[in-house]
Amino acid sequence: MDRSKRAFELDFLRGFSITMMILHHFAFDIRYLVGKDVFSIIESDLFDQVLQPTFLIIFILISGICCQFSRDNFKRAMKLLIVAMAFSLVMAVFSIVSKESLFVFFNILHLLTVGTFLFALYDLWERKTTHNRLDSCGNEIKHSVRGEIVILIFAGAIIYSDQLFRGIGSDIGSYALLPLGFLPDNYLGMGDYLPLIPWLGFFFIGVMVGRYGYADKQSLFLRTPGWIRRLFIPLEWVGRNSLLVYLIHQPIILGVLYLLGYIKF
């Protein structure tokens, strides 16, 4: 793809949301692992109900949009699966060695793995069912209208389910249902957790935005002045390398705190 046509706005927004996540994890480590009475904002309703959900929704929406740009979403899902499982294993070992309960059984990596794989299955089905079909003007049909409606209903149902099941999760909670958001009683402490309900719904809303808003697989702001683009470069880089940044940011933060003598493993 011509780099001048790259959807830099997606890189920027993803980089911004990842940066906010890094700041959150830094504040969490300082407040709870180091024990400093600072960054109390992460316990506030403003953060819990507005700021954090906003950053998560931005990141998840864009991850869904980016399915439109991938040449092979099955391969992308497999890569995410390997990384997610490795991350869970590393965090389990770290939790046992450090005696800090920071297990990661299901978080955003696992969620994106499931979302990308489900979309890849849907895309494969759609390609087979619409192949060589033409509309009334003789143009090849690329999208199934019924399929699009199903995706929207599916996304809406998942988001609405969060309200429907809230309050009964503790009654049916188990580790088997943990990916859906139903936590078991006396579950092990987790360093990060993000269930499929309601967040997978936002992923598929992003999928729909990508299929229609980015059908040409290029930026929606091609005439953006160069000086504005240059201002976005740092966050664009973070957005383009979001998986790498996600994987290394916490070890770097913990390593710095360890070297400064604030924490011990």
Protein backbone atom coordinates (compact mmCIF):
# COMPACT_ATOMS: atom_id res chain seq x y z
CA MET A 1 0.00 0.00 0.00
CA ASP A 2 1.13 3.56 -0.75
CA ARG A 3 2.27 4.85 2.66
CA SER A 4 0.78 8.27 1.88
CA LYS A 5 -2.64 6.59 1.77
CA ARG A 6 -2.18 4.55 4.97
CA ALA A 7 -5.02 5.08 7.45
CA PHE A 8 -2.83 7.05 9.84
CA GLU A 9 -5.86 8.12 11.87
CA LEU A 10 -6.37 4.51 12.96
CA ASP A 11 -2.71 4.21 13.99
CA PHE A 12 -2.99 7.47 15.91
CA LEU A 13 -6.16 6.51 17.79
CA ARG A 14 -4.82 3.05 18.60
CA GLY A 15 -1.53 4.56 19.74
CA PHE A 16 -3.39 7.05 21.92
CA SER A 17 -5.48 4.35 23.60
CA ILE A 18 -2.41 2.15 24.17
CA THR A 19 -0.57 5.10 25.72
CA MET A 20 -3.48 5.71 28.08
CA MET A 21 -3.41 2.02 29.01
CA ILE A 22 0.31 2.23 29.78
CA LEU A 23 -0.28 5.22 32.05
CA HIS A 24 -3.05 3.27 33.80
CA HIS A 25 -0.77 0.29 34.39
CA PHE A 26 2.00 2.59 35.64
CA ALA A 27 -0.41 4.21 38.09
CA PHE A 28 -1.66 0.77 39.18
CA ASP A 29 1.87 -0.48 39.85
CA ILE A 30 2.86 2.61 41.81
CA ARG A 31 -0.32 2.58 43.89
CA TYR A 32 -0.70 -1.14 44.59
CA LEU A 33 2.68 -2.83 44.07
CA VAL A 34 4.85 -0.02 45.44
CA GLY A 35 2.23 1.08 47.95
CA LYS A 36 2.39 4.83 47.33
CA ASP A 37 -0.75 6.79 48.14
CA VAL A 38 -0.94 8.45 44.73
CA PHE A 39 -3.01 8.15 41.55
CA SER A 40 -6.23 7.71 43.49
CA ILE A 41 -8.06 8.72 40.29
CA ILE A 42 -7.91 5.09 39.10
CA GLU A 43 -10.34 4.24 41.92
CA SER A 44 -12.80 6.99 40.98
CA ASP A 45 -16.12 6.59 39.18
CA LEU A 46 -14.85 8.99 36.51
CA PHE A 47 -12.02 6.63 35.63
CA ASP A 48 -13.94 3.39 36.13
CA GLN A 49 -17.11 4.37 34.28
CA VAL A 50 -15.91 6.94 31.73
CA LEU A 51 -12.19 7.14 30.99
CA GLN A 52 -11.16 3.49 30.99
CA PRO A 53 -14.21 2.27 29.01
CA THR A 54 -13.64 5.04 26.44
CA PHE A 55 -10.01 4.05 25.82
CA LEU A 56 -10.98 0.37 25.63
CA ILE A 57 -13.81 1.00 23.19
CA ILE A 58 -11.53 3.07 20.93
CA PHE A 59 -8.89 0.33 20.85
CA ILE A 60 -11.37 -2.52 20.33
CA LEU A 61 -13.31 -0.66 17.63
CA ILE A 62 -10.11 0.01 15.70
CA SER A 63 -9.02 -3.62 16.08
CA GLY A 64 -12.32 -4.60 14.45
CA ILE A 65 -11.86 -2.00 11.70
CA CYS A 66 -8.38 -3.37 10.94
CA CYS A 67 -9.85 -6.75 9.96
CA GLN A 68 -10.71 -4.95 6.71
CA PHE A 69 -7.01 -4.35 6.05
CA SER A 70 -5.78 -7.88 6.82
CA ARG A 71 -5.04 -10.24 3.96
CA ASP A 72 -5.51 -13.32 6.14
CA ASN A 73 -7.53 -12.98 9.34
CA PHE A 74 -7.11 -16.69 10.14
CA LYS A 75 -3.35 -16.18 10.23
CA ARG A 76 -3.81 -13.00 12.25
CA ALA A 77 -6.01 -14.85 14.76
CA MET A 78 -3.48 -17.67 15.11
CA LYS A 79 -0.70 -15.19 15.78
CA LEU A 80 -2.82 -13.51 18.45
CA LEU A 81 -3.66 -16.90 20.00
CA ILE A 82 0.00 -17.86 20.34
CA VAL A 83 0.86 -14.49 21.86
CA ALA A 84 -2.16 -14.58 24.23
CA MET A 85 -1.34 -18.08 25.51
CA ALA A 86 2.33 -17.22 25.95
CA PHE A 87 1.39 -14.05 27.81
CA SER A 88 -0.91 -15.97 30.17
CA LEU A 89 1.85 -18.50 30.85
CA VAL A 90 4.43 -15.81 31.59
CA MET A 91 2.05 -13.99 33.94
CA ALA A 92 1.24 -17.26 35.74
CA VAL A 93 4.95 -17.97 36.29
CA PHE A 94 5.53 -14.38 37.40
CA SER A 95 2.61 -14.57 39.85
CA ILE A 96 3.92 -17.79 41.39
CA VAL A 97 7.53 -16.60 41.64
CA SER A 98 6.73 -13.11 42.93
CA LYS A 99 3.81 -14.30 45.09
CA GLU A 100 1.76 -11.49 43.58
CA SER A 101 -1.61 -12.61 42.26
CA LEU A 102 -1.40 -11.13 38.76
CA PHE A 103 -2.73 -14.02 36.69
CA VAL A 104 -4.13 -13.26 33.23
CA PHE A 105 -6.67 -15.87 32.21
CA PHE A 106 -8.56 -13.80 29.67
CA ASN A 107 -7.80 -10.24 28.62
CA ILE A 108 -7.82 -8.08 25.52
CA LEU A 109 -5.39 -10.37 23.65
CA HIS A 110 -7.71 -13.33 24.09
CA LEU A 111 -10.74 -11.22 23.19
CA LEU A 112 -9.15 -10.01 19.95
CA THR A 113 -8.16 -13.60 19.15
CA VAL A 114 -11.77 -14.76 19.45
CA GLY A 115 -13.14 -11.76 17.54
CA THR A 116 -10.66 -12.06 14.68
CA PHE A 117 -11.22 -15.81 14.35
CA LEU A 118 -15.02 -15.44 14.34
CA PHE A 119 -14.79 -12.73 11.68
CA ALA A 120 -12.46 -14.89 9.59
CA LEU A 121 -15.04 -17.69 9.70
CA TYR A 122 -17.81 -15.28 8.71
CA ASP A 123 -15.69 -13.79 5.91
CA LEU A 124 -14.95 -17.27 4.54
CA TRP A 125 -18.65 -18.16 4.58
CA GLU A 126 -19.55 -14.88 2.89
CA ARG A 127 -16.98 -15.31 0.14
CA LYS A 128 -18.33 -18.76 -0.68
CA THR A 129 -22.00 -17.73 -0.66
CA THR A 130 -21.61 -14.49 -2.66
CA HIS A 131 -18.93 -15.65 -5.12
CA ASN A 132 -19.84 -14.80 -8.73
CA ARG A 133 -23.19 -13.30 -7.72
CA LEU A 134 -24.07 -10.06 -9.50
CA ASP A 135 -26.46 -7.28 -8.54
CA SER A 136 -29.01 -5.70 -10.89
CA CYS A 137 -26.32 -3.44 -12.39
CA GLY A 138 -23.97 -6.30 -13.13
CA ASN A 139 -21.57 -5.53 -10.28
CA GLU A 140 -20.12 -8.38 -8.26
CA ILE A 141 -21.75 -8.73 -4.84
CA LYS A 142 -19.09 -8.61 -2.16
CA HIS A 143 -21.19 -8.36 0.99
CA SER A 144 -24.25 -10.24 2.13
CA VAL A 145 -26.95 -7.87 3.40
CA ARG A 146 -28.41 -10.62 5.57
CA GLY A 147 -24.95 -11.29 6.94
CA GLU A 148 -24.43 -7.62 7.77
CA ILE A 149 -27.73 -7.56 9.66
CA VAL A 150 -26.72 -10.68 11.56
CA ILE A 151 -23.42 -9.07 12.55
CA LEU A 152 -25.16 -5.95 13.84
CA ILE A 153 -27.72 -7.98 15.78
CA PHE A 154 -24.93 -10.17 17.18
CA ALA A 155 -22.91 -7.12 18.26
CA GLY A 156 -25.92 -5.44 19.84
CA ALA A 157 -26.98 -8.62 21.65
CA ILE A 158 -23.53 -9.06 23.19
CA ILE A 159 -23.43 -5.48 24.42
CA TYR A 160 -26.97 -5.68 25.79
CA SER A 161 -26.19 -9.01 27.47
CA ASP A 162 -23.90 -7.20 29.86
CA GLN A 163 -26.92 -5.48 31.36
CA LEU A 164 -29.07 -8.62 31.14
CA PHE A 165 -26.64 -10.86 33.00
CA ARG A 166 -25.33 -8.29 35.46
CA GLY A 167 -26.23 -9.40 38.95
CA ILE A 168 -26.54 -13.10 38.19
CA GLY A 169 -22.94 -13.71 37.19
CA SER A 170 -21.89 -14.72 40.71
CA ASP A 171 -24.63 -17.39 40.76
CA ILE A 172 -23.35 -19.21 37.68
CA GLY A 173 -19.71 -18.15 37.75
CA SER A 174 -16.95 -20.67 37.03
CA TYR A 175 -13.53 -20.72 35.40
CA ALA A 176 -15.14 -22.29 32.33
CA LEU A 177 -17.42 -19.26 31.97
CA LEU A 178 -14.77 -16.72 32.95
CA PRO A 179 -14.23 -15.63 29.28
CA LEU A 180 -17.90 -14.59 29.17
CA GLY A 181 -17.64 -12.52 32.35
CA PHE A 182 -19.04 -14.94 34.92
CA LEU A 183 -16.37 -15.10 37.62
CA PRO A 184 -16.26 -18.01 40.07
CA ASP A 185 -16.37 -17.47 43.83
CA ASN A 186 -12.95 -16.90 45.41
CA TYR A 187 -11.21 -16.65 42.04
CA LEU A 188 -7.47 -16.05 41.87
CA GLY A 189 -6.45 -12.40 41.66
CA MET A 190 -5.87 -11.17 38.15
CA GLY A 191 -3.55 -8.49 36.86
CA ASP A 192 -5.76 -7.91 33.85
CA TYR A 193 -9.17 -9.12 32.73
CA LEU A 194 -11.52 -8.30 29.86
CA PRO A 195 -14.45 -10.63 29.12
CA LEU A 196 -16.23 -11.19 25.81
CA ILE A 197 -19.42 -9.64 27.20
CA PRO A 198 -19.85 -6.78 26.33
CA TRP A 199 -16.53 -6.01 24.65
CA LEU A 200 -16.76 -8.43 21.72
CA GLY A 201 -19.81 -6.46 20.59
CA PHE A 202 -17.69 -3.34 20.09
CA PHE A 203 -15.20 -5.39 18.06
CA PHE A 204 -17.91 -6.36 15.56
CA ILE A 205 -19.22 -2.81 15.39
CA GLY A 206 -15.66 -1.93 14.38
CA VAL A 207 -15.79 -4.67 11.75
CA MET A 208 -18.85 -3.02 10.20
CA VAL A 209 -17.22 0.42 10.28
CA GLY A 210 -14.18 -1.04 8.53
CA ARG A 211 -16.17 -2.78 5.81
CA TYR A 212 -18.08 0.36 4.84
CA GLY A 213 -15.94 3.26 6.04
CA TYR A 214 -12.66 1.77 4.83
CA ALA A 215 -13.80 -0.26 1.83
CA ASP A 216 -10.95 1.28 -0.23
CA LYS A 217 -8.40 0.40 2.49
CA GLN A 218 -6.98 3.89 2.70
CA SER A 219 -7.08 6.94 4.95
CA LEU A 220 -10.24 9.01 5.12
CA PHE A 221 -8.06 12.13 5.48
CA LEU A 222 -5.75 12.00 2.47
CA ARG A 223 -5.45 15.79 2.31
CA THR A 224 -4.18 16.20 5.86
CA PRO A 225 -1.27 18.70 5.88
CA GLY A 226 2.18 17.20 6.34
CA TRP A 227 2.94 19.20 9.48
CA ILE A 228 -0.11 17.71 11.22
CA ARG A 229 0.95 14.22 10.17
CA ARG A 230 4.39 14.82 11.67
CA LEU A 231 2.80 15.72 15.01
CA PHE A 232 1.15 12.30 15.06
CA ILE A 233 4.32 10.32 14.30
CA PRO A 234 5.09 9.13 17.90
CA LEU A 235 1.55 7.91 18.56
CA GLU A 236 1.29 6.48 15.04
CA TRP A 237 4.40 4.40 15.73
CA VAL A 238 2.87 3.09 18.95
CA GLY A 239 -0.33 2.28 17.08
CA ARG A 240 1.47 0.42 14.29
CA ASN A 241 3.42 -1.60 16.86
CA SER A 242 0.65 -1.92 19.45
CA LEU A 243 1.13 -5.65 20.06
CA LEU A 244 4.85 -5.27 20.72
CA VAL A 245 4.30 -2.22 22.93
CA TYR A 246 1.59 -4.05 24.87
CA LEU A 247 3.86 -7.02 25.53
CA ILE A 248 6.94 -5.11 26.65
CA HIS A 249 5.54 -2.11 28.52
CA GLN A 250 4.74 -3.87 31.81
CA PRO A 251 8.09 -5.72 32.06
CA ILE A 252 9.83 -2.38 31.44
CA ILE A 253 7.79 -0.63 34.14
CA LEU A 254 8.36 -3.46 36.64
CA GLY A 255 12.05 -3.64 35.74
CA VAL A 256 12.54 0.06 36.38
CA LEU A 257 10.70 -0.15 39.71
CA TYR A 258 12.83 -3.17 40.67
CA LEU A 259 16.09 -1.39 39.80
CA LEU A 260 14.99 1.62 41.83
CA GLY A 261 14.36 -0.68 44.78
CA TYR A 262 10.64 -0.04 45.03
CA ILE A 263 9.64 -3.68 44.51
CA LYS A 264 11.28 -7.06 45.02
CA PHE A 265 10.57 -10.35 43.31
